[in-house]
Amino acid sequence: LTTFSFDIFGLEIYVPLMVGACIVLTGQQIAQDPYAVLALIAAEQVNVLQATPSTWRMLLDNEHAQGLRGCKCLCGGEALPRE
């Protein structure tokens, strides 16, 4: 869910490929729609996801957030609120 203009994108794309994992790329329209992101996670059986705290809040506030169970959650890019 990171745009390629951020430095972390290199880490997010090359490290998984270097260890034999698959990556899932999507466009901005899907990345900003929590229903679409959660549907993509389910369809592609995503098991690791890196996102900003605000994106995690968007996903976790969605009624379909149970689709994130079993997904390793990585967080960065901005300050992490206590809640």
PDB file of N, CA and C in Angstrom:
ATOM      1  N   LEU A   1       0.814  -1.203   0.000  1.00  0.00           N
ATOM      2  CA  LEU A   1       0.000   0.000   0.000  1.00  0.00           C
ATOM      3  C   LEU A   1       0.854   1.263   0.000  1.00  0.00           C
ATOM      4  N   THR A   2       2.121   1.115  -0.285  1.00  0.00           N
ATOM      5  CA  THR A   2       3.018   2.260  -0.327  1.00  0.00           C
ATOM      6  C   THR A   2       3.222   2.700  -1.771  1.00  0.00           C
ATOM      7  N   THR A   3       3.131   3.972  -2.022  1.00  0.00           N
ATOM      8  CA  THR A   3       3.395   4.489  -3.358  1.00  0.00           C
ATOM      9  C   THR A   3       4.887   4.368  -3.677  1.00  0.00           C
ATOM     10  N   PHE A   4       5.199   4.154  -4.924  1.00  0.00           N
ATOM     11  CA  PHE A   4       6.592   3.928  -5.311  1.00  0.00           C
ATOM     12  C   PHE A   4       7.473   5.158  -5.129  1.00  0.00           C
ATOM     13  N   SER A   5       6.897   6.308  -4.823  1.00  0.00           N
ATOM     14  CA  SER A   5       7.710   7.515  -4.631  1.00  0.00           C
ATOM     15  C   SER A   5       8.328   7.591  -3.232  1.00  0.00           C
ATOM     16  N   PHE A   6       7.962   6.695  -2.334  1.00  0.00           N
ATOM     17  CA  PHE A   6       8.543   6.673  -0.993  1.00  0.00           C
ATOM     18  C   PHE A   6       9.693   5.674  -0.926  1.00  0.00           C
ATOM     19  N   ASP A   7      10.686   5.999  -0.117  1.00  0.00           N
ATOM     20  CA  ASP A   7      11.880   5.164  -0.026  1.00  0.00           C
ATOM     21  C   ASP A   7      11.592   3.748   0.461  1.00  0.00           C
ATOM     22  N   ILE A   8      10.612   3.575   1.326  1.00  0.00           N
ATOM     23  CA  ILE A   8      10.302   2.256   1.878  1.00  0.00           C
ATOM     24  C   ILE A   8       9.791   1.296   0.789  1.00  0.00           C
ATOM     25  N   PHE A   9       9.321   1.846  -0.321  1.00  0.00           N
ATOM     26  CA  PHE A   9       8.814   1.010  -1.411  1.00  0.00           C
ATOM     27  C   PHE A   9       9.879   0.023  -1.891  1.00  0.00           C
ATOM     28  N   GLY A  10      11.140   0.483  -1.987  1.00  0.00           N
ATOM     29  CA  GLY A  10      12.216  -0.412  -2.414  1.00  0.00           C
ATOM     30  C   GLY A  10      12.343  -1.608  -1.498  1.00  0.00           C
ATOM     31  N   LEU A  11      12.303  -1.363  -0.206  1.00  0.00           N
ATOM     32  CA  LEU A  11      12.376  -2.448   0.780  1.00  0.00           C
ATOM     33  C   LEU A  11      11.167  -3.366   0.650  1.00  0.00           C
ATOM     34  N   GLU A  12      10.007  -2.781   0.463  1.00  0.00           N
ATOM     35  CA  GLU A  12       8.773  -3.570   0.397  1.00  0.00           C
ATOM     36  C   GLU A  12       8.661  -4.412  -0.871  1.00  0.00           C
ATOM     37  N   ILE A  13       9.322  -4.015  -1.922  1.00  0.00           N
ATOM     38  CA  ILE A  13       9.221  -4.785  -3.156  1.00  0.00           C
ATOM     39  C   ILE A  13      10.373  -5.778  -3.315  1.00  0.00           C
ATOM     40  N   TYR A  14      11.587  -5.368  -2.967  1.00  0.00           N
ATOM     41  CA  TYR A  14      12.743  -6.231  -3.240  1.00  0.00           C
ATOM     42  C   TYR A  14      12.981  -7.295  -2.173  1.00  0.00           C
ATOM     43  N   VAL A  15      12.775  -6.999  -0.915  1.00  0.00           N
ATOM     44  CA  VAL A  15      13.025  -8.003   0.130  1.00  0.00           C
ATOM     45  C   VAL A  15      12.119  -9.221  -0.041  1.00  0.00           C
ATOM     46  N   PRO A  16      10.814  -9.045  -0.228  1.00  0.00           N
ATOM     47  CA  PRO A  16       9.987 -10.248  -0.435  1.00  0.00           C
ATOM     48  C   PRO A  16      10.425 -11.058  -1.655  1.00  0.00           C
ATOM     49  N   LEU A  17      10.754 -10.372  -2.726  1.00  0.00           N
ATOM     50  CA  LEU A  17      11.190 -11.089  -3.927  1.00  0.00           C
ATOM     51  C   LEU A  17      12.505 -11.824  -3.712  1.00  0.00           C
ATOM     52  N   MET A  18      13.405 -11.224  -2.915  1.00  0.00           N
ATOM     53  CA  MET A  18      14.701 -11.858  -2.642  1.00  0.00           C
ATOM     54  C   MET A  18      14.565 -13.138  -1.821  1.00  0.00           C
ATOM     55  N   VAL A  19      13.496 -13.271  -1.055  1.00  0.00           N
ATOM     56  CA  VAL A  19      13.311 -14.468  -0.236  1.00  0.00           C
ATOM     57  C   VAL A  19      12.254 -15.405  -0.825  1.00  0.00           C
ATOM     58  N   GLY A  20      11.853 -15.153  -2.065  1.00  0.00           N
ATOM     59  CA  GLY A  20      10.948 -16.060  -2.757  1.00  0.00           C
ATOM     60  C   GLY A  20       9.473 -15.821  -2.514  1.00  0.00           C
ATOM     61  N   ALA A  21       9.128 -14.710  -1.906  1.00  0.00           N
ATOM     62  CA  ALA A  21       7.717 -14.399  -1.670  1.00  0.00           C
ATOM     63  C   ALA A  21       7.118 -13.731  -2.904  1.00  0.00           C
ATOM     64  N   CYS A  22       5.821 -13.665  -2.917  1.00  0.00           N
ATOM     65  CA  CYS A  22       5.103 -12.949  -3.967  1.00  0.00           C
ATOM     66  C   CYS A  22       4.713 -11.580  -3.432  1.00  0.00           C
ATOM     67  N   ILE A  23       4.558 -10.631  -4.326  1.00  0.00           N
ATOM     68  CA  ILE A  23       4.065  -9.315  -3.923  1.00  0.00           C
ATOM     69  C   ILE A  23       2.779  -9.023  -4.686  1.00  0.00           C
ATOM     70  N   VAL A  24       1.947  -8.199  -4.104  1.00  0.00           N
ATOM     71  CA  VAL A  24       0.700  -7.790  -4.739  1.00  0.00           C
ATOM     72  C   VAL A  24       0.759  -6.279  -4.900  1.00  0.00           C
ATOM     73  N   LEU A  25       0.656  -5.819  -6.135  1.00  0.00           N
ATOM     74  CA  LEU A  25       0.635  -4.394  -6.429  1.00  0.00           C
ATOM     75  C   LEU A  25      -0.787  -3.977  -6.772  1.00  0.00           C
ATOM     76  N   THR A  26      -1.147  -2.775  -6.381  1.00  0.00           N
ATOM     77  CA  THR A  26      -2.477  -2.269  -6.677  1.00  0.00           C
ATOM     78  C   THR A  26      -2.395  -0.787  -6.977  1.00  0.00           C
ATOM     79  N   GLY A  27      -3.459  -0.234  -7.462  1.00  0.00           N
ATOM     80  CA  GLY A  27      -3.507   1.184  -7.780  1.00  0.00           C
ATOM     81  C   GLY A  27      -4.058   2.017  -6.631  1.00  0.00           C
ATOM     82  N   GLN A  28      -3.999   3.315  -6.820  1.00  0.00           N
ATOM     83  CA  GLN A  28      -4.425   4.259  -5.789  1.00  0.00           C
ATOM     84  C   GLN A  28      -5.907   4.110  -5.451  1.00  0.00           C
ATOM     85  N   GLN A  29      -6.740   3.849  -6.454  1.00  0.00           N
ATOM     86  CA  GLN A  29      -8.178   3.722  -6.194  1.00  0.00           C
ATOM     87  C   GLN A  29      -8.472   2.601  -5.204  1.00  0.00           C
ATOM     88  N   ILE A  30      -7.819   1.475  -5.355  1.00  0.00           N
ATOM     89  CA  ILE A  30      -8.027   0.364  -4.428  1.00  0.00           C
ATOM     90  C   ILE A  30      -7.391   0.685  -3.083  1.00  0.00           C
ATOM     91  N   ALA A  31      -6.186   1.232  -3.088  1.00  0.00           N
ATOM     92  CA  ALA A  31      -5.457   1.495  -1.845  1.00  0.00           C
ATOM     93  C   ALA A  31      -6.195   2.476  -0.928  1.00  0.00           C
ATOM     94  N   GLN A  32      -7.055   3.298  -1.457  1.00  0.00           N
ATOM     95  CA  GLN A  32      -7.780   4.268  -0.649  1.00  0.00           C
ATOM     96  C   GLN A  32      -9.193   3.813  -0.283  1.00  0.00           C
ATOM     97  N   ASP A  33      -9.557   2.621  -0.702  1.00  0.00           N
ATOM     98  CA  ASP A  33     -10.894   2.079  -0.435  1.00  0.00           C
ATOM     99  C   ASP A  33     -10.760   0.869   0.491  1.00  0.00           C
ATOM    100  N   PRO A  34     -11.157   1.004   1.768  1.00  0.00           N
ATOM    101  CA  PRO A  34     -10.957  -0.114   2.699  1.00  0.00           C
ATOM    102  C   PRO A  34     -11.655  -1.399   2.260  1.00  0.00           C
ATOM    103  N   TYR A  35     -12.838  -1.310   1.660  1.00  0.00           N
ATOM    104  CA  TYR A  35     -13.522  -2.519   1.187  1.00  0.00           C
ATOM    105  C   TYR A  35     -12.693  -3.205   0.101  1.00  0.00           C
ATOM    106  N   ALA A  36     -12.162  -2.406  -0.827  1.00  0.00           N
ATOM    107  CA  ALA A  36     -11.370  -2.959  -1.924  1.00  0.00           C
ATOM    108  C   ALA A  36     -10.064  -3.562  -1.412  1.00  0.00           C
ATOM    109  N   VAL A  37      -9.414  -2.897  -0.459  1.00  0.00           N
ATOM    110  CA  VAL A  37      -8.168  -3.424   0.105  1.00  0.00           C
ATOM    111  C   VAL A  37      -8.425  -4.749   0.807  1.00  0.00           C
ATOM    112  N   LEU A  38      -9.449  -4.791   1.623  1.00  0.00           N
ATOM    113  CA  LEU A  38      -9.759  -6.024   2.355  1.00  0.00           C
ATOM    114  C   LEU A  38     -10.160  -7.152   1.405  1.00  0.00           C
ATOM    115  N   ALA A  39     -10.866  -6.826   0.339  1.00  0.00           N
ATOM    116  CA  ALA A  39     -11.224  -7.834  -0.667  1.00  0.00           C
ATOM    117  C   ALA A  39      -9.976  -8.346  -1.378  1.00  0.00           C
ATOM    118  N   LEU A  40      -9.051  -7.461  -1.682  1.00  0.00           N
ATOM    119  CA  LEU A  40      -7.803  -7.855  -2.330  1.00  0.00           C
ATOM    120  C   LEU A  40      -6.967  -8.742  -1.416  1.00  0.00           C
ATOM    121  N   ILE A  41      -6.914  -8.393  -0.135  1.00  0.00           N
ATOM    122  CA  ILE A  41      -6.178  -9.207   0.841  1.00  0.00           C
ATOM    123  C   ILE A  41      -6.740 -10.623   0.873  1.00  0.00           C
ATOM    124  N   ALA A  42      -8.062 -10.730   0.883  1.00  0.00           N
ATOM    125  CA  ALA A  42      -8.698 -12.056   0.901  1.00  0.00           C
ATOM    126  C   ALA A  42      -8.462 -12.799  -0.411  1.00  0.00           C
ATOM    127  N   ALA A  43      -8.655 -12.127  -1.530  1.00  0.00           N
ATOM    128  CA  ALA A  43      -8.528 -12.776  -2.834  1.00  0.00           C
ATOM    129  C   ALA A  43      -7.108 -13.260  -3.103  1.00  0.00           C
ATOM    130  N   GLU A  44      -6.133 -12.482  -2.689  1.00  0.00           N
ATOM    131  CA  GLU A  44      -4.732 -12.826  -2.955  1.00  0.00           C
ATOM    132  C   GLU A  44      -4.068 -13.561  -1.793  1.00  0.00           C
ATOM    133  N   GLN A  45      -4.824 -13.811  -0.726  1.00  0.00           N
ATOM    134  CA  GLN A  45      -4.322 -14.496   0.469  1.00  0.00           C
ATOM    135  C   GLN A  45      -3.059 -13.817   1.007  1.00  0.00           C
ATOM    136  N   VAL A  46      -3.140 -12.499   1.127  1.00  0.00           N
ATOM    137  CA  VAL A  46      -2.024 -11.712   1.640  1.00  0.00           C
ATOM    138  C   VAL A  46      -1.788 -12.081   3.099  1.00  0.00           C
ATOM    139  N   ASN A  47      -0.534 -12.330   3.471  1.00  0.00           N
ATOM    140  CA  ASN A  47      -0.258 -12.680   4.866  1.00  0.00           C
ATOM    141  C   ASN A  47       0.709 -11.711   5.551  1.00  0.00           C
ATOM    142  N   VAL A  48       1.218 -10.723   4.816  1.00  0.00           N
ATOM    143  CA  VAL A  48       2.036  -9.654   5.396  1.00  0.00           C
ATOM    144  C   VAL A  48       1.617  -8.355   4.724  1.00  0.00           C
ATOM    145  N   LEU A  49       1.369  -7.340   5.521  1.00  0.00           N
ATOM    146  CA  LEU A  49       0.944  -6.054   4.968  1.00  0.00           C
ATOM    147  C   LEU A  49       1.613  -4.934   5.741  1.00  0.00           C
ATOM    148  N   GLN A  50       2.265  -4.022   5.008  1.00  0.00           N
ATOM    149  CA  GLN A  50       2.880  -2.841   5.604  1.00  0.00           C
ATOM    150  C   GLN A  50       2.041  -1.643   5.216  1.00  0.00           C
ATOM    151  N   ALA A  51       1.682  -0.842   6.203  1.00  0.00           N
ATOM    152  CA  ALA A  51       0.872   0.351   5.931  1.00  0.00           C
ATOM    153  C   ALA A  51       1.141   1.396   7.008  1.00  0.00           C
ATOM    154  N   THR A  52       0.697   2.599   6.736  1.00  0.00           N
ATOM    155  CA  THR A  52       0.822   3.680   7.715  1.00  0.00           C
ATOM    156  C   THR A  52      -0.240   3.499   8.803  1.00  0.00           C
ATOM    157  N   PRO A  53      -0.034   4.108   9.968  1.00  0.00           N
ATOM    158  CA  PRO A  53      -1.050   4.031  11.021  1.00  0.00           C
ATOM    159  C   PRO A  53      -2.424   4.519  10.553  1.00  0.00           C
ATOM    160  N   SER A  54      -2.466   5.562   9.741  1.00  0.00           N
ATOM    161  CA  SER A  54      -3.772   6.049   9.278  1.00  0.00           C
ATOM    162  C   SER A  54      -4.442   5.033   8.352  1.00  0.00           C
ATOM    163  N   THR A  55      -3.674   4.327   7.553  1.00  0.00           N
ATOM    164  CA  THR A  55      -4.250   3.276   6.701  1.00  0.00           C
ATOM    165  C   THR A  55      -4.728   2.111   7.554  1.00  0.00           C
ATOM    166  N   TRP A  56      -3.939   1.734   8.564  1.00  0.00           N
ATOM    167  CA  TRP A  56      -4.378   0.664   9.469  1.00  0.00           C
ATOM    168  C   TRP A  56      -5.675   1.049  10.154  1.00  0.00           C
ATOM    169  N   ARG A  57      -5.804   2.307  10.589  1.00  0.00           N
ATOM    170  CA  ARG A  57      -7.043   2.758  11.241  1.00  0.00           C
ATOM    171  C   ARG A  57      -8.198   2.628  10.270  1.00  0.00           C
ATOM    172  N   MET A  58      -7.987   3.036   9.013  1.00  0.00           N
ATOM    173  CA  MET A  58      -9.029   2.931   7.989  1.00  0.00           C
ATOM    174  C   MET A  58      -9.476   1.473   7.830  1.00  0.00           C
ATOM    175  N   LEU A  59      -8.518   0.550   7.809  1.00  0.00           N
ATOM    176  CA  LEU A  59      -8.847  -0.861   7.635  1.00  0.00           C
ATOM    177  C   LEU A  59      -9.505  -1.452   8.875  1.00  0.00           C
ATOM    178  N   LEU A  60      -8.962  -1.146  10.035  1.00  0.00           N
ATOM    179  CA  LEU A  60      -9.472  -1.741  11.273  1.00  0.00           C
ATOM    180  C   LEU A  60     -10.843  -1.209  11.660  1.00  0.00           C
ATOM    181  N   ASP A  61     -11.189  -0.011  11.197  1.00  0.00           N
ATOM    182  CA  ASP A  61     -12.514   0.556  11.467  1.00  0.00           C
ATOM    183  C   ASP A  61     -13.581  -0.010  10.546  1.00  0.00           C
ATOM    184  N   ASN A  62     -13.207  -0.819   9.591  1.00  0.00           N
ATOM    185  CA  ASN A  62     -14.138  -1.400   8.633  1.00  0.00           C
ATOM    186  C   ASN A  62     -14.765  -2.664   9.215  1.00  0.00           C
ATOM    187  N   GLU A  63     -16.022  -2.875   8.896  1.00  0.00           N
ATOM    188  CA  GLU A  63     -16.716  -4.054   9.437  1.00  0.00           C
ATOM    189  C   GLU A  63     -16.165  -5.378   8.925  1.00  0.00           C
ATOM    190  N   HIS A  64     -15.387  -5.343   7.865  1.00  0.00           N
ATOM    191  CA  HIS A  64     -14.790  -6.566   7.316  1.00  0.00           C
ATOM    192  C   HIS A  64     -13.343  -6.758   7.763  1.00  0.00           C
ATOM    193  N   ALA A  65     -12.934  -6.062   8.801  1.00  0.00           N
ATOM    194  CA  ALA A  65     -11.550  -6.113   9.278  1.00  0.00           C
ATOM    195  C   ALA A  65     -11.143  -7.499   9.761  1.00  0.00           C
ATOM    196  N   GLN A  66     -12.097  -8.382  10.059  1.00  0.00           N
ATOM    197  CA  GLN A  66     -11.741  -9.732  10.491  1.00  0.00           C
ATOM    198  C   GLN A  66     -10.954 -10.463   9.411  1.00  0.00           C
ATOM    199  N   GLY A  67     -10.996  -9.968   8.182  1.00  0.00           N
ATOM    200  CA  GLY A  67     -10.209 -10.543   7.098  1.00  0.00           C
ATOM    201  C   GLY A  67      -8.708 -10.352   7.288  1.00  0.00           C
ATOM    202  N   LEU A  68      -8.333  -9.518   8.256  1.00  0.00           N
ATOM    203  CA  LEU A  68      -6.917  -9.287   8.553  1.00  0.00           C
ATOM    204  C   LEU A  68      -6.353 -10.306   9.535  1.00  0.00           C
ATOM    205  N   ARG A  69      -7.199 -11.158  10.103  1.00  0.00           N
ATOM    206  CA  ARG A  69      -6.706 -12.166  11.043  1.00  0.00           C
ATOM    207  C   ARG A  69      -5.701 -13.060  10.341  1.00  0.00           C
ATOM    208  N   GLY A  70      -4.611 -13.293  11.015  1.00  0.00           N
ATOM    209  CA  GLY A  70      -3.563 -14.125  10.444  1.00  0.00           C
ATOM    210  C   GLY A  70      -2.595 -13.348   9.567  1.00  0.00           C
ATOM    211  N   CYS A  71      -2.871 -12.088   9.347  1.00  0.00           N
ATOM    212  CA  CYS A  71      -1.997 -11.245   8.532  1.00  0.00           C
ATOM    213  C   CYS A  71      -0.995 -10.547   9.445  1.00  0.00           C
ATOM    214  N   LYS A  72       0.274 -10.654   9.106  1.00  0.00           N
ATOM    215  CA  LYS A  72       1.302  -9.945   9.874  1.00  0.00           C
ATOM    216  C   LYS A  72       1.244  -8.482   9.490  1.00  0.00           C
ATOM    217  N   CYS A  73       1.124  -7.655  10.492  1.00  0.00           N
ATOM    218  CA  CYS A  73       0.919  -6.227  10.272  1.00  0.00           C
ATOM    219  C   CYS A  73       2.196  -5.457  10.557  1.00  0.00           C
ATOM    220  N   LEU A  74       2.712  -4.790   9.550  1.00  0.00           N
ATOM    221  CA  LEU A  74       3.872  -3.930   9.697  1.00  0.00           C
ATOM    222  C   LEU A  74       3.399  -2.491   9.582  1.00  0.00           C
ATOM    223  N   CYS A  75       3.981  -1.627  10.377  1.00  0.00           N
ATOM    224  CA  CYS A  75       3.484  -0.262  10.446  1.00  0.00           C
ATOM    225  C   CYS A  75       4.637   0.721  10.411  1.00  0.00           C
ATOM    226  N   GLY A  76       4.492   1.788   9.651  1.00  0.00           N
ATOM    227  CA  GLY A  76       5.524   2.817   9.601  1.00  0.00           C
ATOM    228  C   GLY A  76       5.088   3.981   8.741  1.00  0.00           C
ATOM    229  N   GLY A  77       5.956   4.965   8.633  1.00  0.00           N
ATOM    230  CA  GLY A  77       5.690   6.094   7.757  1.00  0.00           C
ATOM    231  C   GLY A  77       5.143   7.325   8.430  1.00  0.00           C
ATOM    232  N   GLU A  78       4.623   7.178   9.637  1.00  0.00           N
ATOM    233  CA  GLU A  78       4.106   8.302  10.402  1.00  0.00           C
ATOM    234  C   GLU A  78       4.010   7.889  11.864  1.00  0.00           C
ATOM    235  N   ALA A  79       3.755   8.842  12.729  1.00  0.00           N
ATOM    236  CA  ALA A  79       3.662   8.557  14.157  1.00  0.00           C
ATOM    237  C   ALA A  79       2.526   7.573  14.435  1.00  0.00           C
ATOM    238  N   LEU A  80       2.768   6.655  15.340  1.00  0.00           N
ATOM    239  CA  LEU A  80       1.774   5.652  15.729  1.00  0.00           C
ATOM    240  C   LEU A  80       1.038   6.143  16.974  1.00  0.00           C
ATOM    241  N   PRO A  81      -0.284   6.422  16.856  1.00  0.00           N
ATOM    242  CA  PRO A  81      -1.050   6.859  18.019  1.00  0.00           C
ATOM    243  C   PRO A  81      -1.156   5.748  19.056  1.00  0.00           C
ATOM    244  N   ARG A  82      -1.322   6.120  20.303  1.00  0.00           N
ATOM    245  CA  ARG A  82      -1.438   5.128  21.378  1.00  0.00           C
ATOM    246  C   ARG A  82      -2.586   4.150  21.166  1.00  0.00           C
ATOM    247  N   GLU A  83      -3.745   4.642  20.736  1.00  0.00           N
ATOM    248  CA  GLU A  83      -4.891   3.743  20.555  1.00  0.00           C
ATOM    249  C   GLU A  83      -4.660   2.780  19.439  1.00  0.00           C
TER     250      GLU A  83
END
